[in-house]
Protein backbone atom coordinates (compact mmCIF):
# COMPACT_ATOMS: atom_id res chain seq x y z
CA MET A 1 85.89 97.82 77.56
CA ASN A 2 88.64 100.43 77.58
CA LYS A 3 87.35 101.81 74.32
CA GLN A 4 83.83 102.08 75.74
CA LYS A 5 85.18 103.92 78.78
CA GLN A 6 87.09 106.28 76.52
CA ASN A 7 83.94 107.00 74.50
CA GLY A 8 82.06 107.61 77.76
CA TYR A 9 84.67 110.12 78.87
CA GLN A 10 84.44 111.87 75.51
CA ARG A 11 80.67 112.04 75.76
CA PHE A 12 80.44 113.42 79.25
CA TRP A 13 83.53 115.64 79.53
CA PHE A 14 81.24 118.65 79.30
CA LEU A 15 79.42 117.88 82.59
CA PRO A 16 82.44 118.19 84.93
CA ALA A 17 83.60 121.24 82.96
CA PHE A 18 80.19 122.80 83.51
CA PHE A 19 80.26 122.24 87.27
CA VAL A 20 83.85 123.49 87.48
CA CYS A 21 82.67 126.67 85.74
CA ILE A 22 79.76 127.00 88.19
CA LEU A 23 82.18 126.73 91.12
CA THR A 24 84.58 129.19 89.48
CA MET A 25 81.83 131.76 89.03
CA MET A 26 80.65 131.39 92.61
CA LEU A 27 84.21 131.91 93.86
CA LEU A 28 84.65 134.84 91.48
CA SER A 29 81.50 136.42 92.84
CA ALA A 30 83.01 136.30 96.31
CA PHE A 31 86.10 138.26 95.23
CA VAL A 32 84.96 140.47 92.35
CA ALA A 33 81.28 141.03 93.03
CA PRO A 34 80.39 143.39 95.85
CA GLN A 35 80.03 141.81 99.27
CA SER A 36 76.30 142.24 98.97
CA ALA A 37 73.37 141.58 96.73
CA SER A 38 73.22 144.99 95.19
CA ALA A 39 69.91 146.70 94.83
CA HIS A 40 69.57 148.64 91.58
CA ALA A 41 67.74 151.61 93.03
CA SER A 42 69.36 153.26 96.02
CA LEU A 43 67.92 155.22 98.90
CA VAL A 44 68.33 158.98 98.45
CA GLN A 45 66.38 160.41 101.36
CA ALA A 46 64.21 159.31 104.26
CA ILE A 47 61.90 161.77 106.01
CA PRO A 48 62.03 161.52 108.98
CA GLU A 49 65.65 160.38 108.66
CA ALA A 50 67.03 157.27 110.30
CA GLY A 51 67.55 157.71 114.04
CA ALA A 52 65.73 161.06 114.12
CA LYS A 53 64.53 162.41 117.48
CA LEU A 54 61.43 164.55 117.02
CA GLU A 55 59.49 166.65 119.49
CA SER A 56 56.14 165.73 117.94
CA SER A 57 54.61 163.22 115.54
CA PRO A 58 55.49 163.73 111.84
CA PRO A 59 52.55 163.97 109.39
CA GLN A 60 53.96 161.32 107.06
CA VAL A 61 56.91 159.12 106.17
CA ALA A 62 58.55 159.65 102.76
CA ILE A 63 61.22 157.30 101.36
CA THR A 64 62.88 158.54 98.14
CA PHE A 65 65.05 156.59 95.69
CA ASN A 66 67.30 157.57 92.80
CA GLU A 67 65.31 155.58 90.20
CA SER A 68 61.69 154.90 89.39
CA LEU A 69 60.02 152.05 91.26
CA ASP A 70 57.68 149.26 90.24
CA SER A 71 54.17 150.35 91.16
CA GLY A 72 52.84 146.86 91.81
CA LEU A 73 54.27 145.90 95.20
CA PHE A 74 55.56 148.23 97.91
CA TYR A 75 54.86 149.23 101.49
CA ILE A 76 55.86 151.36 104.46
CA LYS A 77 54.93 150.11 107.93
CA VAL A 78 55.37 151.77 111.31
CA PHE A 79 55.64 149.61 114.45
CA ASN A 80 55.69 150.57 118.12
CA ARG A 81 57.98 148.99 120.72
CA ASP A 82 55.55 146.05 121.12
CA GLY A 83 55.59 145.25 117.39
CA ASP A 84 52.07 146.58 116.76
CA GLU A 85 51.45 148.28 113.42
CA MET A 86 50.44 151.89 114.07
CA THR A 87 48.25 152.58 111.03
CA SER A 88 46.18 150.71 108.48
CA ASN A 89 46.84 153.43 105.89
CA LYS A 90 48.39 152.18 102.67
CA ALA A 91 51.57 153.67 101.24
CA TYR A 92 51.42 155.36 97.83
CA LEU A 93 53.87 156.54 95.17
CA ASN A 94 54.49 160.12 94.09
CA LYS A 95 53.88 161.23 90.51
CA GLU A 96 57.45 160.47 89.43
CA GLN A 97 57.28 157.00 91.06
CA THR A 98 60.55 157.63 92.89
CA SER A 99 59.12 158.14 96.41
CA VAL A 100 56.94 155.99 98.65
CA LEU A 101 54.80 157.93 101.13
CA LEU A 102 52.68 156.93 104.11
CA ASP A 103 50.33 159.32 105.90
CA LEU A 104 50.53 158.90 109.68
CA PRO A 105 48.04 159.38 112.49
CA LYS A 106 49.26 161.35 115.50
CA LEU A 107 51.87 159.21 117.24
CA THR A 108 52.41 159.47 120.98
CA GLU A 109 55.76 159.72 122.72
CA GLY A 110 57.85 156.61 122.17
CA VAL A 111 60.28 154.70 119.98
CA TYR A 112 59.01 153.45 116.60
CA LEU A 113 60.40 151.33 113.81
CA ILE A 114 59.84 152.35 110.18
CA SER A 115 60.04 149.44 107.77
CA TYR A 116 59.82 149.76 103.99
CA HIS A 117 59.97 147.49 100.94
CA VAL A 118 59.95 148.35 97.23
CA ILE A 119 60.94 146.74 93.93
CA SER A 120 63.05 148.76 91.52
CA ALA A 121 62.06 149.08 87.88
CA ASP A 122 64.58 146.39 86.89
CA GLY A 123 63.02 143.85 89.25
CA HIS A 124 65.31 143.98 92.28
CA PRO A 125 63.98 144.24 95.85
CA ILE A 126 65.05 146.99 98.24
CA GLY A 127 64.02 147.06 101.86
CA GLY A 128 65.11 148.45 105.17
CA SER A 129 64.14 149.44 108.71
CA TYR A 130 65.24 152.22 111.01
CA PRO A 131 64.23 153.66 114.40
CA LEU A 132 62.43 156.93 115.06
CA THR A 133 62.05 158.58 118.47
CA ILE A 134 59.24 160.98 119.38
CA GLY A 135 59.48 163.02 122.56
CA ASN A 136 61.58 161.76 125.48
CA PRO A 137 60.60 158.14 126.14
CA PRO A 138 62.31 156.15 128.92
CA GLN A 139 65.76 154.88 128.01
CA GLU A 140 64.68 151.24 128.24
CA ASP A 141 62.15 151.79 125.43
CA ALA A 142 64.93 152.78 123.06
CA LEU A 143 66.69 149.46 123.69
CA ASP A 144 63.61 147.26 123.15
CA LEU A 145 62.92 147.44 119.43
CA PRO A 146 60.58 144.73 118.11
CA SER A 147 62.96 142.05 116.93
CA ALA A 148 60.36 140.54 114.64
CA HIS A 149 60.73 143.53 112.35
CA ALA A 150 64.30 144.66 113.00
CA ASN A 151 66.15 142.67 110.37
CA HIS A 152 64.63 143.54 107.03
CA ASP A 153 66.77 143.18 103.93
CA HIS A 154 68.33 146.49 103.00
CA GLY A 155 69.24 145.31 99.53
CA SER A 156 72.76 144.64 100.74
CA GLY A 157 74.53 142.36 103.10
CA PRO A 158 77.16 139.63 103.27
CA LEU A 159 77.53 137.04 100.53
CA THR A 160 75.49 134.28 102.13
CA THR A 161 74.73 130.85 100.72
CA LYS A 162 71.34 132.22 99.65
CA VAL A 163 72.95 135.02 97.65
CA LEU A 164 75.41 132.63 96.01
CA LEU A 165 72.49 130.39 95.02
CA GLN A 166 70.80 133.42 93.49
CA TYR A 167 73.89 134.16 91.42
CA ALA A 168 74.20 130.51 90.38
CA SER A 169 70.50 130.16 89.51
CA ARG A 170 70.58 133.25 87.31
CA GLY A 171 73.67 132.04 85.49
CA LEU A 172 72.23 128.55 85.01
CA TRP A 173 68.94 129.89 83.69
CA TYR A 174 70.65 132.24 81.22
CA LEU A 175 72.70 129.32 79.96
CA MET A 176 69.62 127.14 79.47
CA LEU A 177 67.55 129.98 77.96
CA LEU A 178 70.18 130.89 75.38
CA THR A 179 70.97 127.26 74.58
CA LEU A 180 67.33 126.27 74.04
CA THR A 181 66.27 129.30 71.99
CA GLY A 182 69.41 129.19 69.83
CA TRP A 183 69.07 125.43 69.38
CA VAL A 184 65.47 125.69 68.14
CA ILE A 185 66.35 128.45 65.65
CA TRP A 186 69.38 126.55 64.35
CA LEU A 187 67.33 123.41 63.72
CA ARG A 188 65.06 125.47 61.47
CA VAL A 189 68.02 127.15 59.76
CA LEU A 190 69.43 123.72 58.89
CA GLY A 191 66.08 122.28 57.82
CA THR A 192 65.03 118.64 58.25
CA ASP A 193 68.06 117.06 56.56
CA GLY A 194 69.61 113.98 58.12
CA GLY A 195 68.55 110.43 58.71
CA LYS A 196 65.78 109.17 60.94
CA GLU A 197 68.23 108.30 63.70
CA THR A 198 69.78 111.78 63.61
CA ARG A 199 66.38 113.47 63.81
CA LYS A 200 65.43 111.22 66.72
CA VAL A 201 68.60 112.12 68.64
CA LEU A 202 68.17 115.86 68.00
CA SER A 203 64.53 115.64 69.06
CA SER A 204 65.64 114.01 72.32
CA TRP A 205 68.14 116.85 72.88
CA THR A 206 65.39 119.40 72.25
CA LEU A 207 63.11 117.83 74.82
CA ASN A 208 65.87 117.63 77.43
CA LEU A 209 66.88 121.25 76.83
CA GLN A 210 63.25 122.30 77.31
CA ARG A 211 63.09 120.43 80.59
CA ALA A 212 66.40 121.91 81.74
CA GLN A 213 65.29 125.45 80.90
CA LEU A 214 62.00 125.03 82.76
CA VAL A 215 63.72 123.58 85.85
CA ALA A 216 66.30 126.40 85.80
CA LEU A 217 63.51 129.00 85.53
CA LEU A 218 61.64 127.47 88.47
CA LEU A 219 64.88 127.44 90.47
CA LEU A 220 65.44 131.11 89.62
CA ILE A 221 61.93 132.02 90.80
CA PHE A 222 62.24 129.91 93.95
CA THR A 223 65.53 131.57 95.01
CA HIS A 224 64.29 135.13 94.40
CA ILE A 225 60.60 135.19 95.27
CA GLU A 226 61.04 135.59 99.05
CA ASP A 227 63.13 138.75 98.65
CA LEU A 228 60.63 140.23 96.17
CA LEU A 229 57.72 139.62 98.54
CA GLY A 230 59.66 141.42 101.27
CA GLY A 231 58.01 139.58 104.13
CA GLY A 232 54.57 140.38 102.75
CA GLY A 233 53.44 136.78 103.02
CA VAL A 234 51.54 134.44 100.76
CA GLU A 235 48.76 136.97 100.19
CA GLU A 236 51.21 139.13 98.24
CA ILE A 237 52.09 136.39 95.73
CA ALA A 238 49.06 137.18 93.53
CA LYS A 239 50.04 140.84 93.49
CA LEU A 240 53.64 139.96 92.59
CA PHE A 241 52.59 137.94 89.53
CA SER A 242 49.79 140.26 88.40
CA ALA A 243 51.02 143.79 89.17
CA THR A 244 54.83 143.85 89.01
CA ASN A 245 56.98 143.82 85.88
CA ILE A 246 59.23 141.06 87.15
CA GLY A 247 56.27 138.88 88.21
CA ILE A 248 54.44 139.33 84.89
CA SER A 249 57.68 138.57 83.04
CA TRP A 250 58.08 135.34 85.04
CA LEU A 251 54.47 134.38 84.32
CA ILE A 252 54.92 134.89 80.57
CA LEU A 253 58.20 132.95 80.62
CA LEU A 254 56.52 130.06 82.45
CA GLY A 255 53.58 130.06 80.04
CA LEU A 256 55.81 130.07 76.97
CA SER A 257 58.02 127.36 78.49
CA PHE A 258 55.05 125.02 78.96
CA LEU A 259 53.66 125.89 75.52
CA GLY A 260 57.01 125.00 74.00
CA PHE A 261 56.44 121.31 74.81
CA VAL A 262 53.41 121.43 72.51
CA LEU A 263 54.54 123.89 69.81
CA ILE A 264 58.20 123.18 69.04
CA GLY A 265 58.79 121.11 65.92
CA ARG A 266 55.26 121.40 64.53
CA LEU A 267 55.32 124.50 62.30
CA ALA A 268 58.33 126.39 60.94
CA TRP A 269 57.00 129.86 61.76
CA LEU A 270 56.27 128.80 65.35
CA ASP A 271 59.84 127.56 65.73
CA TRP A 272 60.97 131.08 64.82
CA LEU A 273 58.34 132.98 66.78
CA TRP A 274 58.51 130.95 70.01
CA PRO A 275 62.24 131.44 70.84
CA LEU A 276 62.14 135.11 69.78
CA GLY A 277 59.10 135.61 72.03
CA LEU A 278 60.82 133.89 74.96
CA LEU A 279 63.84 136.20 74.59
CA ALA A 280 61.54 139.23 74.30
CA ALA A 281 59.81 138.30 77.58
CA LYS A 282 63.24 138.25 79.24
CA SER A 283 64.14 141.67 77.78
CA PHE A 284 61.28 143.40 79.60
CA SER A 285 62.86 142.72 82.99
CA GLY A 286 66.36 143.51 84.16
CA HIS A 287 68.65 146.46 83.61
CA ALA A 288 67.09 147.45 80.30
CA ALA A 289 63.75 148.22 81.96
CA SER A 290 65.22 150.85 84.29
CA PHE A 291 67.09 153.04 81.78
CA SER A 292 65.86 155.48 79.16
CA PRO A 293 64.83 155.54 76.45
CA VAL A 294 63.13 152.25 77.26
CA TRP A 295 62.41 151.37 73.63
CA ALA A 296 66.14 151.57 72.87
CA THR A 297 67.44 149.76 75.96
CA ILE A 298 64.90 146.92 75.71
CA GLY A 299 65.36 146.67 71.94
CA LEU A 300 69.14 146.47 72.25
CA ASP A 301 68.82 143.91 75.03
CA TRP A 302 66.60 141.73 72.82
CA ILE A 303 69.02 141.98 69.89
CA HIS A 304 71.89 141.14 72.25
CA LEU A 305 70.04 138.07 73.53
CA VAL A 306 69.24 136.86 70.01
CA GLY A 307 72.89 137.18 69.00
CA ALA A 308 73.98 135.33 72.14
CA ALA A 309 71.40 132.58 71.56
CA MET A 310 72.61 131.99 68.00
CA TRP A 311 76.16 131.57 69.27
CA VAL A 312 75.40 129.48 72.38
CA GLY A 313 72.71 127.28 70.81
CA GLY A 314 74.78 126.77 67.67
CA LEU A 315 77.84 125.78 69.67
CA VAL A 316 75.89 123.21 71.70
CA LEU A 317 74.37 121.82 68.47
CA LEU A 318 77.88 121.49 67.07
CA TYR A 319 78.87 119.49 70.13
CA ALA A 320 75.77 117.27 69.76
CA LYS A 321 76.54 116.55 66.09
CA TRP A 322 80.15 115.74 66.94
CA ARG A 323 79.02 113.28 69.62
CA GLN A 324 76.75 111.52 67.11
CA LYS A 325 79.46 111.56 64.41
CA ASP A 326 77.05 113.31 62.04
CA ASP A 327 78.16 113.06 58.39
CA GLU A 328 77.13 116.66 57.78
CA ILE A 329 79.23 118.08 60.61
CA ASN A 330 81.85 119.69 58.35
CA THR A 331 79.14 121.54 56.41
CA TYR A 332 77.50 122.62 59.64
CA MET A 333 80.82 123.80 61.07
CA ARG A 334 81.27 126.17 58.13
CA LYS A 335 77.74 127.54 58.57
CA PHE A 336 78.20 127.92 62.31
CA SER A 337 81.58 129.57 61.90
CA ASN A 338 80.08 132.24 59.65
CA MET A 339 77.08 132.76 61.94
CA ALA A 340 79.32 132.89 65.03
CA LEU A 341 81.30 135.73 63.46
CA ILE A 342 78.07 137.64 62.79
CA SER A 343 76.85 136.91 66.33
CA ILE A 344 80.04 138.28 67.88
CA LEU A 345 79.71 141.46 65.81
CA VAL A 346 76.05 141.84 66.84
CA LEU A 347 76.92 141.21 70.50
CA THR A 348 79.77 143.72 70.40
CA LEU A 349 77.70 146.46 68.76
CA SER A 350 74.53 145.99 70.86
CA GLY A 351 76.52 145.54 74.07
CA SER A 352 78.56 148.69 73.44
CA LEU A 353 75.47 150.78 72.74
CA SER A 354 73.77 149.44 75.87
CA VAL A 355 76.76 150.35 78.03
CA LEU A 356 76.71 153.89 76.62
CA LEU A 357 73.02 154.16 77.55
CA PHE A 358 73.53 152.67 81.02
CA LEU A 359 76.56 154.69 82.11
CA PRO A 360 77.12 158.48 82.19
CA ASN A 361 80.65 157.84 80.92
CA LEU A 362 82.98 154.91 80.39
CA HIS A 363 84.99 155.75 83.53
CA TYR A 364 82.18 154.08 85.46
CA LEU A 365 83.48 150.71 84.24
CA LEU A 366 86.26 151.12 86.80
CA TYR A 367 84.03 152.38 89.63
CA SER A 368 81.77 149.38 90.16
CA ALA A 369 81.80 145.59 90.38
CA TRP A 370 79.41 145.61 87.40
CA GLY A 371 82.02 147.35 85.28
CA ILE A 372 84.86 145.09 86.44
CA LEU A 373 82.81 141.97 85.72
CA LEU A 374 81.92 143.39 82.31
CA LEU A 375 85.62 143.89 81.54
CA VAL A 376 86.28 140.28 82.59
CA LYS A 377 83.47 139.19 80.26
CA ILE A 378 84.99 141.23 77.42
CA GLY A 379 88.32 139.49 78.03
CA ALA A 380 86.60 136.09 77.77
CA VAL A 381 84.89 137.18 74.54
CA ILE A 382 88.27 138.18 73.09
CA LEU A 383 89.53 134.67 73.87
CA VAL A 384 86.45 133.28 72.08
CA VAL A 385 87.22 135.40 69.01
CA LEU A 386 90.83 134.21 68.97
CA THR A 387 89.70 130.59 69.36
CA ALA A 388 87.18 130.98 66.55
CA PHE A 389 89.87 132.49 64.32
CA VAL A 390 92.13 129.47 64.85
CA ILE A 391 89.22 127.09 64.19
CA ARG A 392 88.46 128.87 60.89
CA LEU A 393 92.11 128.56 59.85
CA MET A 394 92.07 124.84 60.61
CA MET A 395 88.86 124.42 58.60
CA ARG A 396 90.42 126.14 55.61
CA LYS A 397 93.26 123.64 55.86
CA LYS A 398 90.63 120.87 56.00
CA LYS A 399 91.55 119.92 59.54
CA ALA A 400 88.03 120.14 60.96
CA ALA A 401 88.41 116.91 62.94
CA GLN A 402 91.51 118.21 64.71
CA SER A 403 89.75 121.46 65.64
CA PHE A 404 87.38 119.86 68.15
CA LEU A 405 89.78 120.37 71.02
CA LEU A 406 89.35 124.08 70.37
CA VAL A 407 85.58 123.60 70.14
CA ARG A 408 85.73 122.25 73.70
CA VAL A 409 87.66 125.35 74.73
CA ASP A 410 85.00 127.47 73.02
CA LEU A 411 82.25 125.62 74.91
CA THR A 412 84.00 126.17 78.25
CA LEU A 413 84.48 129.87 77.54
CA MET A 414 80.83 130.09 76.54
CA VAL A 415 79.71 128.65 79.89
CA ILE A 416 82.00 131.05 81.76
CA ILE A 417 80.66 134.06 79.83
CA VAL A 418 77.01 133.12 80.37
CA LEU A 419 77.56 132.54 84.09
CA LEU A 420 79.33 135.90 84.29
CA VAL A 421 76.22 137.43 82.77
CA GLY A 422 74.21 135.77 85.52
CA ILE A 423 76.26 137.68 88.08
CA ILE A 424 76.28 140.93 86.09
CA THR A 425 72.50 141.01 85.92
CA TYR A 426 72.34 140.96 89.71
CA VAL A 427 74.78 143.85 90.18
CA ALA A 428 73.89 147.51 89.69
CA PRO A 429 75.60 149.18 86.69
CA ILE A 430 75.95 152.41 88.66
CA PRO A 431 77.07 152.16 92.31
CA ALA A 432 74.75 153.53 94.95
CA ASN A 433 75.71 156.90 96.41
CA GLU A 434 76.36 156.81 100.14
CA PRO A 435 76.76 159.79 102.48
CA LEU A 436 80.26 161.15 102.82
CA GLN A 437 81.46 161.02 106.43
CA TRP A 438 85.03 162.28 106.71
CA HIS A 439 87.18 163.12 109.70
CA GLN A 440 90.71 164.46 109.49
CA MET A 441 92.90 164.83 112.57
CA GLY A 442 95.86 167.20 112.78
CA GLU A 443 98.25 168.50 115.42
CA LYS A 444 96.31 171.70 116.15
CA VAL A 445 93.15 171.43 114.06
CA HIS A 446 90.70 168.57 113.54
CA VAL A 447 87.89 168.77 110.99
CA SER A 448 84.97 166.58 110.04
CA ALA A 449 82.59 166.92 107.12
CA ASP A 450 79.36 165.16 106.22
CA ILE A 451 77.52 165.36 102.89
CA THR A 452 74.13 163.67 102.92
CA PRO A 453 72.91 161.89 100.85
CA LYS A 454 75.81 162.85 98.52
CA ILE A 455 73.86 162.84 95.28
CA GLN A 456 73.63 165.07 92.24
CA GLY A 457 71.41 167.97 93.31
CA ASN A 458 70.26 168.98 96.77
CA ASN A 459 72.32 167.83 99.78
CA SER A 460 72.88 168.67 103.45
CA PHE A 461 76.41 169.80 104.34
CA THR A 462 77.83 169.70 107.87
CA ALA A 463 81.29 170.88 108.89
CA LYS A 464 82.81 170.62 112.36
CA VAL A 465 86.07 172.19 113.49
CA PHE A 466 87.96 171.18 116.63
CA LEU A 467 90.46 173.68 118.06
CA PRO A 468 92.47 173.60 121.30
CA GLU A 469 90.63 174.85 124.36
CA ASN A 470 90.97 178.59 125.06
CA SER A 471 92.24 179.22 121.51
CA GLY A 472 89.06 181.05 120.62
CA LYS A 473 86.56 180.74 117.82
CA PRO A 474 88.01 180.19 114.33
CA LYS A 475 88.24 183.38 112.34
CA GLN A 476 87.13 181.68 109.14
CA VAL A 477 85.89 178.26 108.07
CA LEU A 478 85.44 177.54 104.36
CA MET A 479 83.96 174.48 102.66
CA ILE A 480 84.90 174.47 98.97
CA LEU A 481 83.97 171.93 96.28
CA HIS A 482 86.16 171.34 93.22
CA TYR A 483 84.76 169.49 90.17
CA LEU A 484 87.72 167.43 88.99
CA ASP A 485 86.22 166.26 85.69
CA ASP A 486 86.11 169.76 84.19
CA LYS A 487 88.83 172.21 85.15
CA ASP A 488 86.92 175.05 83.46
CA ILE A 489 84.30 174.97 86.23
CA ALA A 490 85.32 177.28 89.06
CA PRO A 491 85.34 176.06 92.68
CA ILE A 492 81.98 176.13 94.46
CA ASP A 493 81.80 177.75 97.89
CA VAL A 494 79.29 176.10 100.22
CA PRO A 495 77.78 178.89 102.41
CA ILE A 496 78.03 177.09 105.73
CA ALA A 497 76.72 178.95 108.79
CA ALA A 498 77.28 178.28 112.49
CA TYR A 499 74.54 176.44 114.39
CA GLU A 500 73.95 175.12 117.88
CA ASP A 501 75.14 171.53 117.86
CA LYS A 502 73.60 169.47 120.69
CA GLU A 503 75.11 166.19 119.53
CA GLU A 504 77.40 164.62 122.09
CA GLU A 505 80.57 163.26 120.54
CA GLU A 506 84.26 162.81 121.22
CA SER A 507 85.96 166.23 121.15
CA TYR A 508 89.51 164.95 121.66
CA GLY A 509 90.02 167.57 124.37
CA PHE A 510 89.34 170.32 121.85
CA ALA A 511 86.56 172.87 121.55
CA LYS A 512 83.99 172.08 118.84
CA PHE A 513 82.52 174.57 116.35
CA SER A 514 79.74 173.37 114.03
CA TYR A 515 78.48 174.72 110.71
CA LYS A 516 75.92 173.56 108.18
CA ALA A 517 74.25 174.40 104.87
CA GLU A 518 71.78 172.89 102.46
CA GLY A 519 71.50 173.29 98.72
CA ALA A 520 72.32 172.01 95.23
CA TYR A 521 76.07 172.51 95.48
CA LEU A 522 76.83 169.18 93.76
CA PRO A 523 75.31 169.91 90.33
CA PHE A 524 77.19 167.20 88.39
CA ARG A 525 78.00 163.54 88.63
CA GLY A 526 81.63 162.54 88.65
CA ASN A 527 84.80 163.16 90.64
CA TRP A 528 84.86 165.88 93.28
CA GLN A 529 87.28 167.23 95.83
CA LEU A 530 86.11 168.64 99.15
CA GLU A 531 88.43 171.28 100.58
CA MET A 532 88.22 172.47 104.17
CA ARG A 533 90.05 175.69 105.12
CA VAL A 534 90.26 176.77 108.76
CA MET A 535 91.85 180.04 109.92
CA ASP A 536 92.44 180.49 113.65
CA THR A 537 92.56 183.72 115.65
CA GLU A 538 96.26 184.15 114.84
CA ASP A 539 95.60 183.93 111.08
CA ASN A 540 97.16 180.48 110.78
CA GLU A 541 95.37 178.58 108.03
CA THR A 542 95.01 174.80 107.92
CA VAL A 543 93.86 173.13 104.70
CA TYR A 544 92.57 169.57 104.34
CA SER A 545 91.09 167.89 101.27
CA LYS A 546 89.13 164.74 100.45
CA GLU A 547 88.24 163.30 97.04
CA PHE A 548 84.92 161.52 96.44
CA ILE A 549 82.62 160.44 93.63
CA VAL A 550 79.01 161.32 92.94
CA TYR A 551 77.64 158.38 90.92
């Protein structure tokens, strides 16, 4: 009885380890991942801008993003204070597919809510809502926004249970996808050797892996579909699966998954084509689809997935053979060890090239949660390489049986790495730029500076100077930008000019002087320093500085 229990523990040790890894990744996402579900395209400009107060109705609404958008499913809607939609016009994309536009009828005086929803090229939803005021409506109107439309997903928010389930479902599906596809290829690499009982057991594993992959895929779709529809309702489901890249990719993956129950194990060429096709369908959605050149990013992603599948599927097959005490396990271990080394080399090369295509420079690995998670993944891969090296040494010394403790370690690291990938695929490689809003207080001079939207190219610059009452107007106010990544580039003077500032704000008992400018004074991505120089009427100069990053 004790021996049977011991065998049971040996057989099922992997299940608790798997769930421990799931829990670890969910906790890791709470501390390392951003405190939001990051959208992979970020808002650059909204016209009219959020909270704008206009004298008359604007001709249209234009929402612009930093990346191209999926052309299959998007909208802009405008609601009045009663929640009624103000136009039946449909939104449309500009030629570059980076802006969504909606032509408006003439709107009367009142408070309106603009709500938008798009899907980025890599299959992530972005949505938001903001108020717009036309004319001078009664104050009570401004406080009575239609609550039914006031809480759209902005692509970011707290790490809720729903978001954690999305992370977990992606990690679980990647694990099942790589295990199944690698498993099927390895069975063909090894041929049909082995006894009847062995083939029966492996066939049972294949069927269960197919079922697990299909269930994980359905769970992935179920946890993400609501966000992708963006409140569009059931009528938008057909459009999602027929007109968007992510929906078409899901449809192909589902079709291939069901076909696999019929095709796998029948013909050798199908057992090669089917898993490679399943991995290719995955490659056409995700990060690779939103970077250029697309042929290179998608191709590298497919190669990376194939290399990962050979390692993951082969490792699980090794565990299955060990459980069944397969006589050929030592021969298989040598084959797998050689293939694992090749897989790691392929993964390293394809992954490195992909990172170089995704990021403007390697410094970005330290700027974002995506980069930090990738570094954690690299650390886990290094542990895998060291583990594999020790296993190979033990095999050379003909101690294959004693090496299975390390195989368990390898399996655990594999699960951790794949679940990390599940998180990484839901985090933007490049952080979203957000407006710079900076205020610096001093004894005699306060300054504030805004840069909106703080992107490479055209921006709006606002500077405000607060001086003691009766001290007079400042003699000179300078806004200077320093590009820290290249010292050969001279400082850039922003030609700010005084304007009439009607905004009511805390003046700290000081007199306020406001200046603004607009133009392409941030021509490069990278690290910048904003310098504010204020000279008063007595020629006393105060200098403040603030560093920031344009992603």
